[in-house]
Amino acid sequence: MKVYTYSQARQKLADVLNDARRDGEVEIKRRDGQTFILKPVKEKKSPLDVAGVDTDVTIREINAAVRESRERI
């Protein structure tokens, strides 16, 4: 894990953020001894966010299949 002083982190913020993304986290130390960990937030994705599938099925065929399945019940 890379360690920056507060002044370095302030001057090189873009580098600090890139290091945090690449390495998972970076440490920033203040002159008074306080230490902070900076790490990227993982993107939250919906479980329903899936890639579509291309098929040759038309809307009419889908509707017909749904109607047919409902008639069986």
PDB file of N, CA and C in Angstrom:
ATOM      1  N   MET A   1       0.856  -1.172   0.000  1.00  0.00           N
ATOM      2  CA  MET A   1       0.000   0.000   0.000  1.00  0.00           C
ATOM      3  C   MET A   1       0.898   1.230   0.000  1.00  0.00           C
ATOM      4  N   LYS A   2       0.550   2.150  -0.870  1.00  0.00           N
ATOM      5  CA  LYS A   2       1.322   3.375  -0.989  1.00  0.00           C
ATOM      6  C   LYS A   2       0.898   4.360   0.108  1.00  0.00           C
ATOM      7  N   VAL A   3       1.872   5.079   0.639  1.00  0.00           N
ATOM      8  CA  VAL A   3       1.621   6.036   1.714  1.00  0.00           C
ATOM      9  C   VAL A   3       2.003   7.434   1.226  1.00  0.00           C
ATOM     10  N   TYR A   4       1.090   8.384   1.433  1.00  0.00           N
ATOM     11  CA  TYR A   4       1.320   9.788   1.071  1.00  0.00           C
ATOM     12  C   TYR A   4       1.213  10.639   2.324  1.00  0.00           C
ATOM     13  N   THR A   5       1.956  11.732   2.327  1.00  0.00           N
ATOM     14  CA  THR A   5       1.707  12.741   3.356  1.00  0.00           C
ATOM     15  C   THR A   5       0.495  13.533   2.897  1.00  0.00           C
ATOM     16  N   TYR A   6      -0.074  14.301   3.789  1.00  0.00           N
ATOM     17  CA  TYR A   6      -1.233  15.125   3.440  1.00  0.00           C
ATOM     18  C   TYR A   6      -0.884  16.083   2.298  1.00  0.00           C
ATOM     19  N   SER A   7       0.289  16.711   2.392  1.00  0.00           N
ATOM     20  CA  SER A   7       0.706  17.671   1.367  1.00  0.00           C
ATOM     21  C   SER A   7       0.883  16.995   0.013  1.00  0.00           C
ATOM     22  N   GLN A   8       1.513  15.812   0.000  1.00  0.00           N
ATOM     23  CA  GLN A   8       1.684  15.082  -1.258  1.00  0.00           C
ATOM     24  C   GLN A   8       0.328  14.712  -1.856  1.00  0.00           C
ATOM     25  N   ALA A   9      -0.563  14.235  -1.013  1.00  0.00           N
ATOM     26  CA  ALA A   9      -1.882  13.824  -1.485  1.00  0.00           C
ATOM     27  C   ALA A   9      -2.638  15.007  -2.077  1.00  0.00           C
ATOM     28  N   ARG A  10      -2.507  16.152  -1.448  1.00  0.00           N
ATOM     29  CA  ARG A  10      -3.188  17.356  -1.935  1.00  0.00           C
ATOM     30  C   ARG A  10      -2.610  17.799  -3.276  1.00  0.00           C
ATOM     31  N   GLN A  11      -1.306  17.720  -3.423  1.00  0.00           N
ATOM     32  CA  GLN A  11      -0.657  18.163  -4.653  1.00  0.00           C
ATOM     33  C   GLN A  11      -0.836  17.169  -5.802  1.00  0.00           C
ATOM     34  N   LYS A  12      -0.947  15.882  -5.485  1.00  0.00           N
ATOM     35  CA  LYS A  12      -1.015  14.841  -6.514  1.00  0.00           C
ATOM     36  C   LYS A  12      -2.306  14.032  -6.390  1.00  0.00           C
ATOM     37  N   LEU A  13      -3.422  14.724  -6.250  1.00  0.00           N
ATOM     38  CA  LEU A  13      -4.688  14.036  -6.010  1.00  0.00           C
ATOM     39  C   LEU A  13      -5.019  13.022  -7.100  1.00  0.00           C
ATOM     40  N   ALA A  14      -4.814  13.370  -8.359  1.00  0.00           N
ATOM     41  CA  ALA A  14      -5.118  12.442  -9.456  1.00  0.00           C
ATOM     42  C   ALA A  14      -4.284  11.169  -9.322  1.00  0.00           C
ATOM     43  N   ASP A  15      -3.002  11.303  -8.986  1.00  0.00           N
ATOM     44  CA  ASP A  15      -2.139  10.132  -8.799  1.00  0.00           C
ATOM     45  C   ASP A  15      -2.594   9.292  -7.610  1.00  0.00           C
ATOM     46  N   VAL A  16      -3.000   9.960  -6.543  1.00  0.00           N
ATOM     47  CA  VAL A  16      -3.482   9.254  -5.348  1.00  0.00           C
ATOM     48  C   VAL A  16      -4.717   8.432  -5.690  1.00  0.00           C
ATOM     49  N   LEU A  17      -5.660   9.038  -6.416  1.00  0.00           N
ATOM     50  CA  LEU A  17      -6.880   8.317  -6.784  1.00  0.00           C
ATOM     51  C   LEU A  17      -6.576   7.153  -7.722  1.00  0.00           C
ATOM     52  N   ASN A  18      -5.670   7.352  -8.663  1.00  0.00           N
ATOM     53  CA  ASN A  18      -5.289   6.261  -9.567  1.00  0.00           C
ATOM     54  C   ASN A  18      -4.623   5.110  -8.813  1.00  0.00           C
ATOM     55  N   ASP A  19      -3.760   5.442  -7.862  1.00  0.00           N
ATOM     56  CA  ASP A  19      -3.113   4.401  -7.051  1.00  0.00           C
ATOM     57  C   ASP A  19      -4.141   3.642  -6.216  1.00  0.00           C
ATOM     58  N   ALA A  20      -5.102   4.362  -5.664  1.00  0.00           N
ATOM     59  CA  ALA A  20      -6.140   3.714  -4.857  1.00  0.00           C
ATOM     60  C   ALA A  20      -6.959   2.762  -5.715  1.00  0.00           C
ATOM     61  N   ARG A  21      -7.279   3.180  -6.932  1.00  0.00           N
ATOM     62  CA  ARG A  21      -8.052   2.308  -7.829  1.00  0.00           C
ATOM     63  C   ARG A  21      -7.235   1.071  -8.207  1.00  0.00           C
ATOM     64  N   ARG A  22      -5.956   1.261  -8.519  1.00  0.00           N
ATOM     65  CA  ARG A  22      -5.104   0.161  -8.952  1.00  0.00           C
ATOM     66  C   ARG A  22      -4.769  -0.801  -7.801  1.00  0.00           C
ATOM     67  N   ASP A  23      -4.402  -0.241  -6.636  1.00  0.00           N
ATOM     68  CA  ASP A  23      -3.914  -1.066  -5.524  1.00  0.00           C
ATOM     69  C   ASP A  23      -4.990  -1.430  -4.501  1.00  0.00           C
ATOM     70  N   GLY A  24      -6.161  -0.798  -4.584  1.00  0.00           N
ATOM     71  CA  GLY A  24      -7.227  -1.099  -3.633  1.00  0.00           C
ATOM     72  C   GLY A  24      -7.370  -0.059  -2.539  1.00  0.00           C
ATOM     73  N   GLU A  25      -6.249   0.538  -2.131  1.00  0.00           N
ATOM     74  CA  GLU A  25      -6.310   1.604  -1.127  1.00  0.00           C
ATOM     75  C   GLU A  25      -4.955   2.277  -1.015  1.00  0.00           C
ATOM     76  N   VAL A  26      -4.965   3.497  -0.507  1.00  0.00           N
ATOM     77  CA  VAL A  26      -3.740   4.236  -0.191  1.00  0.00           C
ATOM     78  C   VAL A  26      -3.898   4.824   1.208  1.00  0.00           C
ATOM     79  N   GLU A  27      -2.775   5.143   1.795  1.00  0.00           N
ATOM     80  CA  GLU A  27      -2.773   5.696   3.150  1.00  0.00           C
ATOM     81  C   GLU A  27      -2.310   7.149   3.078  1.00  0.00           C
ATOM     82  N   ILE A  28      -2.986   8.007   3.818  1.00  0.00           N
ATOM     83  CA  ILE A  28      -2.608   9.421   3.892  1.00  0.00           C
ATOM     84  C   ILE A  28      -2.338   9.751   5.348  1.00  0.00           C
ATOM     85  N   LYS A  29      -1.123  10.259   5.604  1.00  0.00           N
ATOM     86  CA  LYS A  29      -0.732  10.586   6.976  1.00  0.00           C
ATOM     87  C   LYS A  29      -0.625  12.086   7.142  1.00  0.00           C
ATOM     88  N   ARG A  30      -1.216  12.562   8.233  1.00  0.00           N
ATOM     89  CA  ARG A  30      -1.132  13.985   8.559  1.00  0.00           C
ATOM     90  C   ARG A  30       0.061  14.231   9.471  1.00  0.00           C
ATOM     91  N   ARG A  31       0.444  15.462   9.556  1.00  0.00           N
ATOM     92  CA  ARG A  31       1.587  15.839  10.383  1.00  0.00           C
ATOM     93  C   ARG A  31       1.349  15.519  11.863  1.00  0.00           C
ATOM     94  N   ASP A  32       0.076  15.602  12.297  1.00  0.00           N
ATOM     95  CA  ASP A  32      -0.231  15.343  13.712  1.00  0.00           C
ATOM     96  C   ASP A  32      -0.315  13.846  14.031  1.00  0.00           C
ATOM     97  N   GLY A  33      -0.036  12.992  13.040  1.00  0.00           N
ATOM     98  CA  GLY A  33      -0.013  11.551  13.282  1.00  0.00           C
ATOM     99  C   GLY A  33      -1.276  10.810  12.871  1.00  0.00           C
ATOM    100  N   GLN A  34      -2.335  11.525  12.558  1.00  0.00           N
ATOM    101  CA  GLN A  34      -3.566  10.862  12.119  1.00  0.00           C
ATOM    102  C   GLN A  34      -3.323  10.199  10.762  1.00  0.00           C
ATOM    103  N   THR A  35      -3.913   9.025  10.613  1.00  0.00           N
ATOM    104  CA  THR A  35      -3.771   8.281   9.366  1.00  0.00           C
ATOM    105  C   THR A  35      -5.148   7.983   8.800  1.00  0.00           C
ATOM    106  N   PHE A  36      -5.276   8.114   7.499  1.00  0.00           N
ATOM    107  CA  PHE A  36      -6.533   7.850   6.817  1.00  0.00           C
ATOM    108  C   PHE A  36      -6.285   6.869   5.682  1.00  0.00           C
ATOM    109  N   ILE A  37      -7.258   6.041   5.423  1.00  0.00           N
ATOM    110  CA  ILE A  37      -7.209   5.110   4.303  1.00  0.00           C
ATOM    111  C   ILE A  37      -8.194   5.605   3.255  1.00  0.00           C
ATOM    112  N   LEU A  38      -7.733   5.700   2.015  1.00  0.00           N
ATOM    113  CA  LEU A  38      -8.578   6.095   0.899  1.00  0.00           C
ATOM    114  C   LEU A  38      -8.712   4.897  -0.032  1.00  0.00           C
ATOM    115  N   LYS A  39      -9.954   4.478  -0.266  1.00  0.00           N
ATOM    116  CA  LYS A  39     -10.157   3.355  -1.180  1.00  0.00           C
ATOM    117  C   LYS A  39     -11.380   3.607  -2.036  1.00  0.00           C
ATOM    118  N   PRO A  40     -11.371   3.052  -3.244  1.00  0.00           N
ATOM    119  CA  PRO A  40     -12.491   3.292  -4.161  1.00  0.00           C
ATOM    120  C   PRO A  40     -13.750   2.562  -3.700  1.00  0.00           C
ATOM    121  N   VAL A  41     -14.882   3.144  -4.030  1.00  0.00           N
ATOM    122  CA  VAL A  41     -16.172   2.525  -3.724  1.00  0.00           C
ATOM    123  C   VAL A  41     -16.513   1.588  -4.870  1.00  0.00           C
ATOM    124  N   LYS A  42     -16.896   0.382  -4.543  1.00  0.00           N
ATOM    125  CA  LYS A  42     -17.286  -0.569  -5.576  1.00  0.00           C
ATOM    126  C   LYS A  42     -18.654  -0.194  -6.108  1.00  0.00           C
ATOM    127  N   GLU A  43     -18.770  -0.255  -7.423  1.00  0.00           N
ATOM    128  CA  GLU A  43     -20.042   0.087  -8.048  1.00  0.00           C
ATOM    129  C   GLU A  43     -21.083  -0.965  -7.711  1.00  0.00           C
ATOM    130  N   LYS A  44     -22.251  -0.485  -7.344  1.00  0.00           N
ATOM    131  CA  LYS A  44     -23.352  -1.394  -7.052  1.00  0.00           C
ATOM    132  C   LYS A  44     -24.174  -1.559  -8.311  1.00  0.00           C
ATOM    133  N   LYS A  45     -24.295  -2.785  -8.745  1.00  0.00           N
ATOM    134  CA  LYS A  45     -25.079  -3.057  -9.941  1.00  0.00           C
ATOM    135  C   LYS A  45     -26.306  -3.868  -9.567  1.00  0.00           C
ATOM    136  N   SER A  46     -27.340  -3.624 -10.285  1.00  0.00           N
ATOM    137  CA  SER A  46     -28.571  -4.368 -10.075  1.00  0.00           C
ATOM    138  C   SER A  46     -28.390  -5.800 -10.569  1.00  0.00           C
ATOM    139  N   PRO A  47     -28.896  -6.780  -9.828  1.00  0.00           N
ATOM    140  CA  PRO A  47     -28.829  -8.156 -10.310  1.00  0.00           C
ATOM    141  C   PRO A  47     -29.680  -8.352 -11.565  1.00  0.00           C
ATOM    142  N   LEU A  48     -30.559  -7.407 -11.838  1.00  0.00           N
ATOM    143  CA  LEU A  48     -31.397  -7.489 -13.028  1.00  0.00           C
ATOM    144  C   LEU A  48     -30.754  -6.820 -14.235  1.00  0.00           C
ATOM    145  N   ASP A  49     -29.595  -6.212 -14.031  1.00  0.00           N
ATOM    146  CA  ASP A  49     -28.885  -5.543 -15.117  1.00  0.00           C
ATOM    147  C   ASP A  49     -28.054  -6.579 -15.870  1.00  0.00           C
ATOM    148  N   VAL A  50     -28.686  -7.234 -16.822  1.00  0.00           N
ATOM    149  CA  VAL A  50     -28.018  -8.290 -17.593  1.00  0.00           C
ATOM    150  C   VAL A  50     -28.038  -7.921 -19.072  1.00  0.00           C
ATOM    151  N   ALA A  51     -27.103  -8.467 -19.776  1.00  0.00           N
ATOM    152  CA  ALA A  51     -27.041  -8.208 -21.212  1.00  0.00           C
ATOM    153  C   ALA A  51     -28.201  -8.887 -21.917  1.00  0.00           C
ATOM    154  N   GLY A  52     -28.703  -8.244 -22.943  1.00  0.00           N
ATOM    155  CA  GLY A  52     -29.799  -8.820 -23.714  1.00  0.00           C
ATOM    156  C   GLY A  52     -29.314  -9.937 -24.625  1.00  0.00           C
ATOM    157  N   VAL A  53     -30.250 -10.720 -25.112  1.00  0.00           N
ATOM    158  CA  VAL A  53     -29.933 -11.817 -26.017  1.00  0.00           C
ATOM    159  C   VAL A  53     -30.684 -11.571 -27.325  1.00  0.00           C
ATOM    160  N   ASP A  54     -29.956 -11.582 -28.417  1.00  0.00           N
ATOM    161  CA  ASP A  54     -30.595 -11.412 -29.715  1.00  0.00           C
ATOM    162  C   ASP A  54     -31.207 -12.738 -30.163  1.00  0.00           C
ATOM    163  N   THR A  55     -32.485 -12.707 -30.488  1.00  0.00           N
ATOM    164  CA  THR A  55     -33.170 -13.897 -30.994  1.00  0.00           C
ATOM    165  C   THR A  55     -33.949 -13.516 -32.245  1.00  0.00           C
ATOM    166  N   ASP A  56     -34.400 -14.508 -32.946  1.00  0.00           N
ATOM    167  CA  ASP A  56     -35.211 -14.261 -34.132  1.00  0.00           C
ATOM    168  C   ASP A  56     -36.692 -14.364 -33.811  1.00  0.00           C
ATOM    169  N   VAL A  57     -37.045 -14.271 -32.551  1.00  0.00           N
ATOM    170  CA  VAL A  57     -38.435 -14.400 -32.121  1.00  0.00           C
ATOM    171  C   VAL A  57     -39.094 -13.025 -32.183  1.00  0.00           C
ATOM    172  N   THR A  58     -40.255 -12.971 -32.777  1.00  0.00           N
ATOM    173  CA  THR A  58     -40.976 -11.701 -32.882  1.00  0.00           C
ATOM    174  C   THR A  58     -41.876 -11.509 -31.666  1.00  0.00           C
ATOM    175  N   ILE A  59     -42.369 -10.301 -31.514  1.00  0.00           N
ATOM    176  CA  ILE A  59     -43.289 -10.000 -30.410  1.00  0.00           C
ATOM    177  C   ILE A  59     -44.563 -10.828 -30.548  1.00  0.00           C
ATOM    178  N   ARG A  60     -45.028 -10.993 -31.756  1.00  0.00           N
ATOM    179  CA  ARG A  60     -46.234 -11.807 -31.976  1.00  0.00           C
ATOM    180  C   ARG A  60     -46.030 -13.246 -31.523  1.00  0.00           C
ATOM    181  N   GLU A  61     -44.854 -13.795 -31.815  1.00  0.00           N
ATOM    182  CA  GLU A  61     -44.564 -15.170 -31.390  1.00  0.00           C
ATOM    183  C   GLU A  61     -44.492 -15.272 -29.864  1.00  0.00           C
ATOM    184  N   ILE A  62     -43.909 -14.273 -29.248  1.00  0.00           N
ATOM    185  CA  ILE A  62     -43.832 -14.267 -27.777  1.00  0.00           C
ATOM    186  C   ILE A  62     -45.235 -14.176 -27.186  1.00  0.00           C
ATOM    187  N   ASN A  63     -46.048 -13.263 -27.704  1.00  0.00           N
ATOM    188  CA  ASN A  63     -47.424 -13.130 -27.214  1.00  0.00           C
ATOM    189  C   ASN A  63     -48.211 -14.423 -27.414  1.00  0.00           C
ATOM    190  N   ALA A  64     -48.031 -15.068 -28.552  1.00  0.00           N
ATOM    191  CA  ALA A  64     -48.728 -16.334 -28.810  1.00  0.00           C
ATOM    192  C   ALA A  64     -48.293 -17.405 -27.819  1.00  0.00           C
ATOM    193  N   ALA A  65     -47.012 -17.461 -27.522  1.00  0.00           N
ATOM    194  CA  ALA A  65     -46.522 -18.449 -26.563  1.00  0.00           C
ATOM    195  C   ALA A  65     -47.077 -18.187 -25.173  1.00  0.00           C
ATOM    196  N   VAL A  66     -47.147 -16.927 -24.777  1.00  0.00           N
ATOM    197  CA  VAL A  66     -47.710 -16.585 -23.469  1.00  0.00           C
ATOM    198  C   VAL A  66     -49.182 -16.949 -23.397  1.00  0.00           C
ATOM    199  N   ARG A  67     -49.939 -16.618 -24.444  1.00  0.00           N
ATOM    200  CA  ARG A  67     -51.371 -16.973 -24.472  1.00  0.00           C
ATOM    201  C   ARG A  67     -51.554 -18.479 -24.382  1.00  0.00           C
ATOM    202  N   GLU A  68     -50.756 -19.212 -25.153  1.00  0.00           N
ATOM    203  CA  GLU A  68     -50.864 -20.669 -25.145  1.00  0.00           C
ATOM    204  C   GLU A  68     -50.569 -21.242 -23.762  1.00  0.00           C
ATOM    205  N   SER A  69     -49.543 -20.694 -23.086  1.00  0.00           N
ATOM    206  CA  SER A  69     -49.217 -21.213 -21.760  1.00  0.00           C
ATOM    207  C   SER A  69     -50.319 -20.883 -20.735  1.00  0.00           C
ATOM    208  N   ARG A  70     -50.955 -19.747 -20.913  1.00  0.00           N
ATOM    209  CA  ARG A  70     -52.056 -19.372 -20.000  1.00  0.00           C
ATOM    210  C   ARG A  70     -53.294 -20.235 -20.219  1.00  0.00           C
ATOM    211  N   GLU A  71     -53.517 -20.641 -21.432  1.00  0.00           N
ATOM    212  CA  GLU A  71     -54.686 -21.482 -21.730  1.00  0.00           C
ATOM    213  C   GLU A  71     -54.545 -22.878 -21.132  1.00  0.00           C
ATOM    214  N   ARG A  72     -53.329 -23.321 -20.920  1.00  0.00           N
ATOM    215  CA  ARG A  72     -53.091 -24.662 -20.362  1.00  0.00           C
ATOM    216  C   ARG A  72     -53.482 -24.712 -18.885  1.00  0.00           C
ATOM    217  N   ILE A  73     -53.461 -23.602 -18.233  1.00  0.00           N
ATOM    218  CA  ILE A  73     -53.709 -23.572 -16.783  1.00  0.00           C
ATOM    219  C   ILE A  73     -55.137 -23.645 -16.455  1.00  0.00           C
TER     220      ILE A  73
END
